[in-house]
Amino acid sequence: MSYMSIAKILPKRVRVGYNKLLVYSGVRVAGERFLGFSFIFGLALAATISYVLFVLMGIGMTMALIAFGLTYGIFEGGVYMRLWMRSDSRRSFVEGILPDALQIMAMNIRAGMTTDRAIILTARPEFGVFEEELKRAGKKMMSGASTRDAMLGITERIKSRQLETTIKLIIDGIESGGELASLLEQTASDIQNTKLMEKEVKANVLMYVIFIFFAVGIGAPLIFGISTHLVDVLTEQMSHFDKVKVPDYESTQVKGIVPMGSFSGFGISAVSIDPDFLVFYAIISLLMTSFFGGLTLGVIKEGSEKNGVKYVPLLMAMSMGIFFATRILAEVMFAI
């Protein structure tokens, strides 16, 4: 049974979405073949890990099934996010060099070149992926394809709203017979001004980014590390006393003091909270905080929570490292 046959089992919406994502990310592999391989490999990896945990480490069947689901979900999510980040990287690169490309195209048109020739000569090696798209569009126009079809083909392989808007402006300018060179220069100027405004906004929110990064990556693990160690110390100390009773008033009556009543004995029982449970709770809380903190950083810095996924591993590693380092340091400094 081939990978493509396995992929056909999945919903059509999933297959279409992966096909588009592979095209946007520049991966030249058949979408259904890639999806089938990812599906089978993810299942095999999850089954192997859950089997090892169940047989070698002796965890229960329920925990093994949970490990299976988590492993498969993390693997598939990681594959999807890797493709999305690659696609977003291509988008950012194209949007960064787009003003320069438009200005070169405008100069070529002002030099008397035809539109298709100007587009082909605009393609430069430093434009990377955009060079291939410009050459492809120019060749289509020279071979007789319509300007609209040739230019819109660029947006089918690079997912960028800014690029799509620019291409539509160029198409409208060509079809209306307007001054295309002036339109290109004005569009390039507007894109550059927009980027300057985005840089100013990022500079203004830098303080919020620093605060969130410090709170999630440093502050929270420090507090959790100290508090969980304190619970460990209290639990150890209280374990030496089954019950400490305070004597009755009459047994400690001092001569000359008028009794105001008697106090019945009361006790201080041992701490009933399991320290291991608190450590587990702290780890889960830090991981969840790091995950949502990373998404928040993505929204603040780049306007999309997906762009914050790249910060999640760093925050998780940082918070875990500081948490365990704090516990070790507190144990050494406050050892009794």
Protein backbone atom coordinates (compact mmCIF):
# COMPACT_ATOMS: atom_id res chain seq x y z
CA MET A 1 0.00 0.00 0.00
CA SER A 2 1.61 3.26 -1.14
CA TYR A 3 1.78 6.52 0.78
CA MET A 4 -0.58 8.17 -1.72
CA SER A 5 -3.19 5.47 -1.15
CA ILE A 6 -2.94 5.96 2.62
CA ALA A 7 -3.28 9.74 2.24
CA LYS A 8 -6.57 9.29 0.39
CA ILE A 9 -8.05 7.93 3.61
CA LEU A 10 -7.67 11.37 5.19
CA PRO A 11 -10.29 14.11 4.64
CA LYS A 12 -10.08 16.06 1.39
CA ARG A 13 -9.77 19.33 3.26
CA VAL A 14 -6.63 18.11 5.02
CA ARG A 15 -5.08 16.93 1.74
CA VAL A 16 -5.82 20.20 -0.05
CA GLY A 17 -4.44 22.23 2.86
CA TYR A 18 -1.18 20.26 2.93
CA ASN A 19 -0.80 20.56 -0.85
CA LYS A 20 -1.05 24.34 -0.62
CA LEU A 21 1.30 24.49 2.35
CA LEU A 22 3.92 22.41 0.54
CA VAL A 23 3.72 24.72 -2.47
CA TYR A 24 4.00 27.84 -0.29
CA SER A 25 6.98 26.37 1.58
CA GLY A 26 8.80 25.45 -1.64
CA VAL A 27 8.91 21.71 -0.96
CA ARG A 28 8.79 19.93 -4.31
CA VAL A 29 7.12 16.74 -3.15
CA ALA A 30 3.67 15.42 -4.03
CA GLY A 31 1.31 16.52 -1.29
CA GLU A 32 -0.47 13.19 -0.85
CA ARG A 33 2.81 11.29 -0.83
CA PHE A 34 4.24 13.59 1.86
CA LEU A 35 1.03 13.43 3.90
CA GLY A 36 0.91 9.62 3.72
CA PHE A 37 4.53 9.30 4.83
CA SER A 38 4.00 11.76 7.68
CA PHE A 39 0.89 9.88 8.82
CA ILE A 40 2.58 6.46 8.84
CA PHE A 41 5.84 7.67 10.39
CA GLY A 42 3.95 9.55 13.12
CA LEU A 43 1.94 6.46 14.03
CA ALA A 44 5.08 4.27 14.07
CA LEU A 45 6.97 6.74 16.25
CA ALA A 46 4.08 7.10 18.70
CA ALA A 47 3.58 3.31 18.89
CA THR A 48 7.30 2.73 19.54
CA ILE A 49 7.52 5.29 22.33
CA SER A 50 4.33 4.11 24.03
CA TYR A 51 5.48 0.46 23.76
CA VAL A 52 8.85 1.29 25.35
CA LEU A 53 7.15 3.17 28.18
CA PHE A 54 4.64 0.36 28.76
CA VAL A 55 7.02 -2.61 28.58
CA LEU A 56 10.37 -1.28 29.77
CA MET A 57 9.30 1.44 32.19
CA GLY A 58 6.17 -0.31 33.43
CA ILE A 59 3.65 2.51 33.12
CA GLY A 60 -0.04 1.65 32.97
CA MET A 61 -2.05 1.09 29.81
CA THR A 62 -3.90 4.39 30.27
CA MET A 63 -0.67 6.37 30.50
CA ALA A 64 0.72 4.48 27.51
CA LEU A 65 -2.31 5.46 25.42
CA ILE A 66 -1.95 9.06 26.57
CA ALA A 67 1.74 8.97 25.60
CA PHE A 68 0.75 7.56 22.20
CA GLY A 69 -1.71 10.39 21.57
CA LEU A 70 0.66 13.10 22.80
CA THR A 71 3.59 11.79 20.74
CA TYR A 72 1.54 11.57 17.57
CA GLY A 73 0.02 15.02 18.11
CA ILE A 74 3.38 16.63 18.84
CA PHE A 75 4.98 15.02 15.78
CA GLU A 76 2.22 16.03 13.37
CA GLY A 77 2.01 19.49 14.89
CA GLY A 78 5.77 19.88 14.58
CA VAL A 79 5.70 18.86 10.90
CA TYR A 80 2.90 21.31 10.16
CA MET A 81 4.56 24.18 12.02
CA ARG A 82 7.90 23.49 10.30
CA LEU A 83 6.23 23.79 6.90
CA TRP A 84 4.33 26.88 8.00
CA MET A 85 7.48 28.56 9.34
CA ARG A 86 9.28 27.80 6.09
CA SER A 87 6.38 29.31 4.16
CA ASP A 88 6.38 32.36 6.42
CA SER A 89 10.14 32.74 5.98
CA ARG A 90 9.69 32.84 2.20
CA ARG A 91 6.94 35.41 2.63
CA SER A 92 9.09 37.65 4.83
CA PHE A 93 12.02 37.45 2.41
CA VAL A 94 9.88 38.33 -0.64
CA GLU A 95 8.20 41.22 1.17
CA GLY A 96 11.62 42.51 2.20
CA ILE A 97 13.01 42.68 -1.34
CA LEU A 98 9.73 43.61 -3.06
CA PRO A 99 10.34 47.41 -3.05
CA ASP A 100 13.74 46.95 -4.70
CA ALA A 101 12.25 44.66 -7.33
CA LEU A 102 9.50 47.15 -8.12
CA GLN A 103 11.98 50.01 -8.49
CA ILE A 104 14.17 47.96 -10.86
CA MET A 105 11.09 47.02 -12.88
CA ALA A 106 10.08 50.69 -13.08
CA MET A 107 13.56 51.67 -14.34
CA ASN A 108 13.42 48.96 -16.99
CA ILE A 109 10.03 50.20 -18.21
CA ARG A 110 11.25 53.80 -18.28
CA ALA A 111 14.19 52.57 -20.37
CA GLY A 112 11.68 51.56 -23.07
CA MET A 113 11.40 47.82 -22.44
CA THR A 114 8.18 45.91 -22.84
CA THR A 115 6.47 44.67 -19.70
CA ASP A 116 7.44 41.03 -20.15
CA ARG A 117 11.06 41.95 -20.92
CA ALA A 118 11.18 44.32 -17.94
CA ILE A 119 9.91 41.57 -15.63
CA ILE A 120 12.49 39.03 -16.84
CA LEU A 121 15.38 41.50 -16.47
CA THR A 122 14.16 42.42 -12.99
CA ALA A 123 14.93 38.88 -11.81
CA ARG A 124 18.25 39.00 -9.95
CA PRO A 125 20.08 36.18 -8.14
CA GLU A 126 19.89 38.10 -4.86
CA PHE A 127 16.09 37.96 -5.04
CA GLY A 128 16.19 34.21 -4.37
CA VAL A 129 12.82 32.55 -4.72
CA PHE A 130 11.33 35.72 -6.20
CA GLU A 131 13.81 35.49 -9.09
CA GLU A 132 12.30 32.17 -10.18
CA GLU A 133 8.76 33.53 -10.01
CA LEU A 134 9.60 36.65 -12.03
CA LYS A 135 11.31 34.60 -14.74
CA ARG A 136 8.41 32.17 -14.88
CA ALA A 137 5.87 35.01 -15.19
CA GLY A 138 7.92 36.82 -17.87
CA LYS A 139 8.33 33.67 -19.95
CA LYS A 140 4.60 32.94 -19.76
CA MET A 141 3.84 36.45 -21.02
CA MET A 142 6.34 36.09 -23.88
CA SER A 143 4.81 32.74 -24.86
CA GLY A 144 1.37 34.30 -25.27
CA ALA A 145 -0.24 33.85 -21.85
CA SER A 146 -2.36 36.73 -20.57
CA THR A 147 -0.76 39.22 -18.20
CA ARG A 148 -3.31 38.43 -15.49
CA ASP A 149 -2.71 34.66 -15.56
CA ALA A 150 1.06 35.03 -15.71
CA MET A 151 1.29 37.50 -12.82
CA LEU A 152 -1.27 35.79 -10.60
CA GLY A 153 0.79 32.62 -10.90
CA ILE A 154 3.34 34.27 -8.60
CA THR A 155 0.82 34.49 -5.76
CA GLU A 156 -0.02 30.80 -6.11
CA ARG A 157 3.43 29.79 -4.85
CA ILE A 158 4.14 32.59 -2.36
CA LYS A 159 1.54 33.30 0.30
CA SER A 160 1.73 37.02 0.98
CA ARG A 161 -1.14 39.48 1.20
CA GLN A 162 1.19 42.36 0.42
CA LEU A 163 2.54 40.63 -2.68
CA GLU A 164 -0.97 39.71 -3.81
CA THR A 165 -2.14 43.33 -3.48
CA THR A 166 0.91 44.59 -5.37
CA ILE A 167 0.45 42.08 -8.20
CA LYS A 168 -3.20 43.07 -8.58
CA LEU A 169 -2.19 46.75 -8.76
CA ILE A 170 0.33 45.95 -11.50
CA ILE A 171 -2.27 43.95 -13.45
CA ASP A 172 -4.82 46.78 -13.19
CA GLY A 173 -2.19 49.30 -14.28
CA ILE A 174 -1.22 47.25 -17.32
CA GLU A 175 -4.81 46.53 -18.36
CA SER A 176 -5.90 50.16 -17.92
CA GLY A 177 -2.97 51.46 -19.95
CA GLY A 178 -1.79 53.82 -17.22
CA GLU A 179 1.72 55.00 -16.37
CA LEU A 180 3.03 51.70 -15.03
CA ALA A 181 6.48 53.00 -14.07
CA SER A 182 5.03 55.70 -11.82
CA LEU A 183 2.65 53.18 -10.28
CA LEU A 184 5.51 50.82 -9.48
CA GLU A 185 7.62 53.57 -7.92
CA GLN A 186 4.72 54.81 -5.80
CA THR A 187 3.91 51.27 -4.66
CA ALA A 188 7.55 50.66 -3.69
CA SER A 189 7.58 53.92 -1.72
CA ASP A 190 4.36 52.98 0.11
CA ILE A 191 5.74 49.54 1.04
CA GLN A 192 8.93 51.08 2.41
CA ASN A 193 6.94 53.60 4.49
CA THR A 194 4.80 50.78 5.85
CA LYS A 195 7.89 48.85 6.88
CA LEU A 196 9.26 51.90 8.69
CA MET A 197 6.01 52.21 10.63
CA GLU A 198 6.16 48.51 11.53
CA LYS A 199 9.69 48.98 12.89
CA GLU A 200 8.51 51.90 15.04
CA VAL A 201 5.65 49.82 16.41
CA LYS A 202 8.01 46.96 17.24
CA ALA A 203 10.31 49.38 19.07
CA ASN A 204 7.37 50.71 21.12
CA VAL A 205 6.25 47.24 22.25
CA LEU A 206 9.78 46.07 23.09
CA MET A 207 9.21 46.77 26.80
CA TYR A 208 6.17 44.48 26.83
CA VAL A 209 8.18 41.75 25.11
CA ILE A 210 10.97 42.03 27.69
CA PHE A 211 8.48 41.92 30.57
CA ILE A 212 6.69 38.80 29.26
CA PHE A 213 9.98 37.06 28.49
CA PHE A 214 11.31 37.80 32.00
CA ALA A 215 8.08 36.80 33.74
CA VAL A 216 7.70 33.53 31.85
CA GLY A 217 11.33 32.50 31.46
CA ILE A 218 12.83 33.71 34.76
CA GLY A 219 10.29 34.95 37.31
CA ALA A 220 7.84 32.05 37.30
CA PRO A 221 10.46 29.25 37.49
CA LEU A 222 12.25 31.06 40.33
CA ILE A 223 9.05 31.30 42.40
CA PHE A 224 8.04 27.72 41.67
CA GLY A 225 11.53 26.44 42.45
CA ILE A 226 11.74 28.17 45.84
CA SER A 227 8.16 27.34 46.85
CA THR A 228 8.39 23.64 45.96
CA HIS A 229 11.69 23.37 47.87
CA LEU A 230 10.06 25.03 50.88
CA VAL A 231 7.29 22.43 50.80
CA ASP A 232 9.92 19.67 50.66
CA VAL A 233 11.64 21.09 53.76
CA LEU A 234 8.40 21.49 55.70
CA THR A 235 7.27 17.99 54.79
CA GLU A 236 10.58 16.52 55.92
CA GLN A 237 10.51 18.43 59.22
CA MET A 238 6.89 17.58 59.99
CA SER A 239 7.46 13.91 59.23
CA HIS A 240 9.44 13.70 62.51
CA PHE A 241 6.34 14.55 64.52
CA ASP A 242 3.25 12.41 64.41
CA LYS A 243 1.35 14.93 66.49
CA VAL A 244 2.54 17.72 68.74
CA LYS A 245 0.12 18.43 71.58
CA VAL A 246 -0.11 21.55 73.69
CA PRO A 247 -0.65 20.71 77.40
CA ASP A 248 -3.85 21.71 79.18
CA TYR A 249 -3.97 24.97 81.08
CA GLU A 250 -4.35 23.30 84.46
CA SER A 251 -1.09 21.39 84.08
CA THR A 252 0.81 24.59 83.50
CA GLN A 253 -1.06 26.78 85.98
CA VAL A 254 1.17 29.41 87.59
CA LYS A 255 0.52 30.36 91.19
CA GLY A 256 -0.97 33.80 91.64
CA ILE A 257 -2.67 33.90 88.23
CA VAL A 258 -6.45 33.68 88.21
CA PRO A 259 -7.54 30.94 85.80
CA MET A 260 -9.66 32.24 82.95
CA GLY A 261 -10.69 28.78 81.77
CA SER A 262 -8.95 25.77 80.44
CA PHE A 263 -7.61 25.01 77.02
CA SER A 264 -8.17 21.61 75.54
CA GLY A 265 -5.19 20.15 73.73
CA PHE A 266 -4.79 20.74 70.07
CA GLY A 267 -2.26 19.28 67.63
CA ILE A 268 -0.27 20.17 64.59
CA SER A 269 -0.57 17.40 62.07
CA ALA A 270 1.89 16.60 59.29
CA VAL A 271 1.64 18.22 55.87
CA SER A 272 -0.78 16.22 53.75
CA ILE A 273 0.35 17.53 50.34
CA ASP A 274 2.63 15.27 48.32
CA PRO A 275 5.78 17.23 47.33
CA ASP A 276 6.15 15.16 44.16
CA PHE A 277 2.68 16.23 43.09
CA LEU A 278 3.60 19.89 43.60
CA VAL A 279 6.75 19.47 41.48
CA PHE A 280 4.69 17.81 38.75
CA TYR A 281 2.13 20.62 38.97
CA ALA A 282 4.89 23.24 38.74
CA ILE A 283 6.40 21.60 35.66
CA ILE A 284 3.03 21.41 33.87
CA SER A 285 2.26 25.03 34.83
CA LEU A 286 5.62 26.26 33.55
CA LEU A 287 5.26 24.38 30.27
CA MET A 288 1.76 25.76 29.72
CA THR A 289 2.89 29.27 30.65
CA SER A 290 5.83 29.02 28.26
CA PHE A 291 3.55 27.84 25.46
CA PHE A 292 1.03 30.65 25.79
CA GLY A 293 3.78 33.15 26.58
CA GLY A 294 5.47 32.31 23.29
CA LEU A 295 2.19 32.76 21.40
CA THR A 296 1.69 36.11 23.13
CA LEU A 297 5.15 37.24 22.08
CA GLY A 298 4.30 36.33 18.49
CA VAL A 299 1.13 38.42 18.60
CA ILE A 300 2.89 41.43 20.10
CA LYS A 301 6.01 41.34 17.93
CA GLU A 302 4.73 40.11 14.57
CA GLY A 303 0.95 40.27 14.77
CA SER A 304 0.29 36.52 14.62
CA GLU A 305 0.32 33.85 17.32
CA LYS A 306 1.80 31.36 14.85
CA ASN A 307 4.94 33.49 14.66
CA GLY A 308 5.39 32.95 18.39
CA VAL A 309 5.78 29.17 18.09
CA LYS A 310 9.51 29.62 17.51
CA TYR A 311 9.82 31.19 20.99
CA VAL A 312 8.06 28.31 22.76
CA PRO A 313 11.01 25.81 22.83
CA LEU A 314 13.36 28.51 24.11
CA LEU A 315 10.98 29.57 26.88
CA MET A 316 10.31 25.95 27.87
CA ALA A 317 14.01 25.07 28.02
CA MET A 318 14.81 28.27 29.90
CA SER A 319 12.01 27.88 32.47
CA MET A 320 12.80 24.19 33.11
CA GLY A 321 16.51 24.92 33.50
CA ILE A 322 15.96 27.78 35.94
CA PHE A 323 13.32 25.80 37.87
CA PHE A 324 15.56 22.80 38.56
CA ALA A 325 18.64 24.99 39.07
CA THR A 326 16.72 27.01 41.67
CA ARG A 327 15.69 23.86 43.53
CA ILE A 328 19.28 22.56 43.57
CA LEU A 329 20.68 25.91 44.66
CA ALA A 330 18.08 26.31 47.41
CA GLU A 331 18.82 22.79 48.67
CA VAL A 332 22.54 23.58 48.87
CA MET A 333 22.13 27.03 50.48
CA PHE A 334 19.45 26.13 53.00
CA ALA A 335 20.57 22.60 53.84
CA ILE A 336 19.97 21.81 57.49
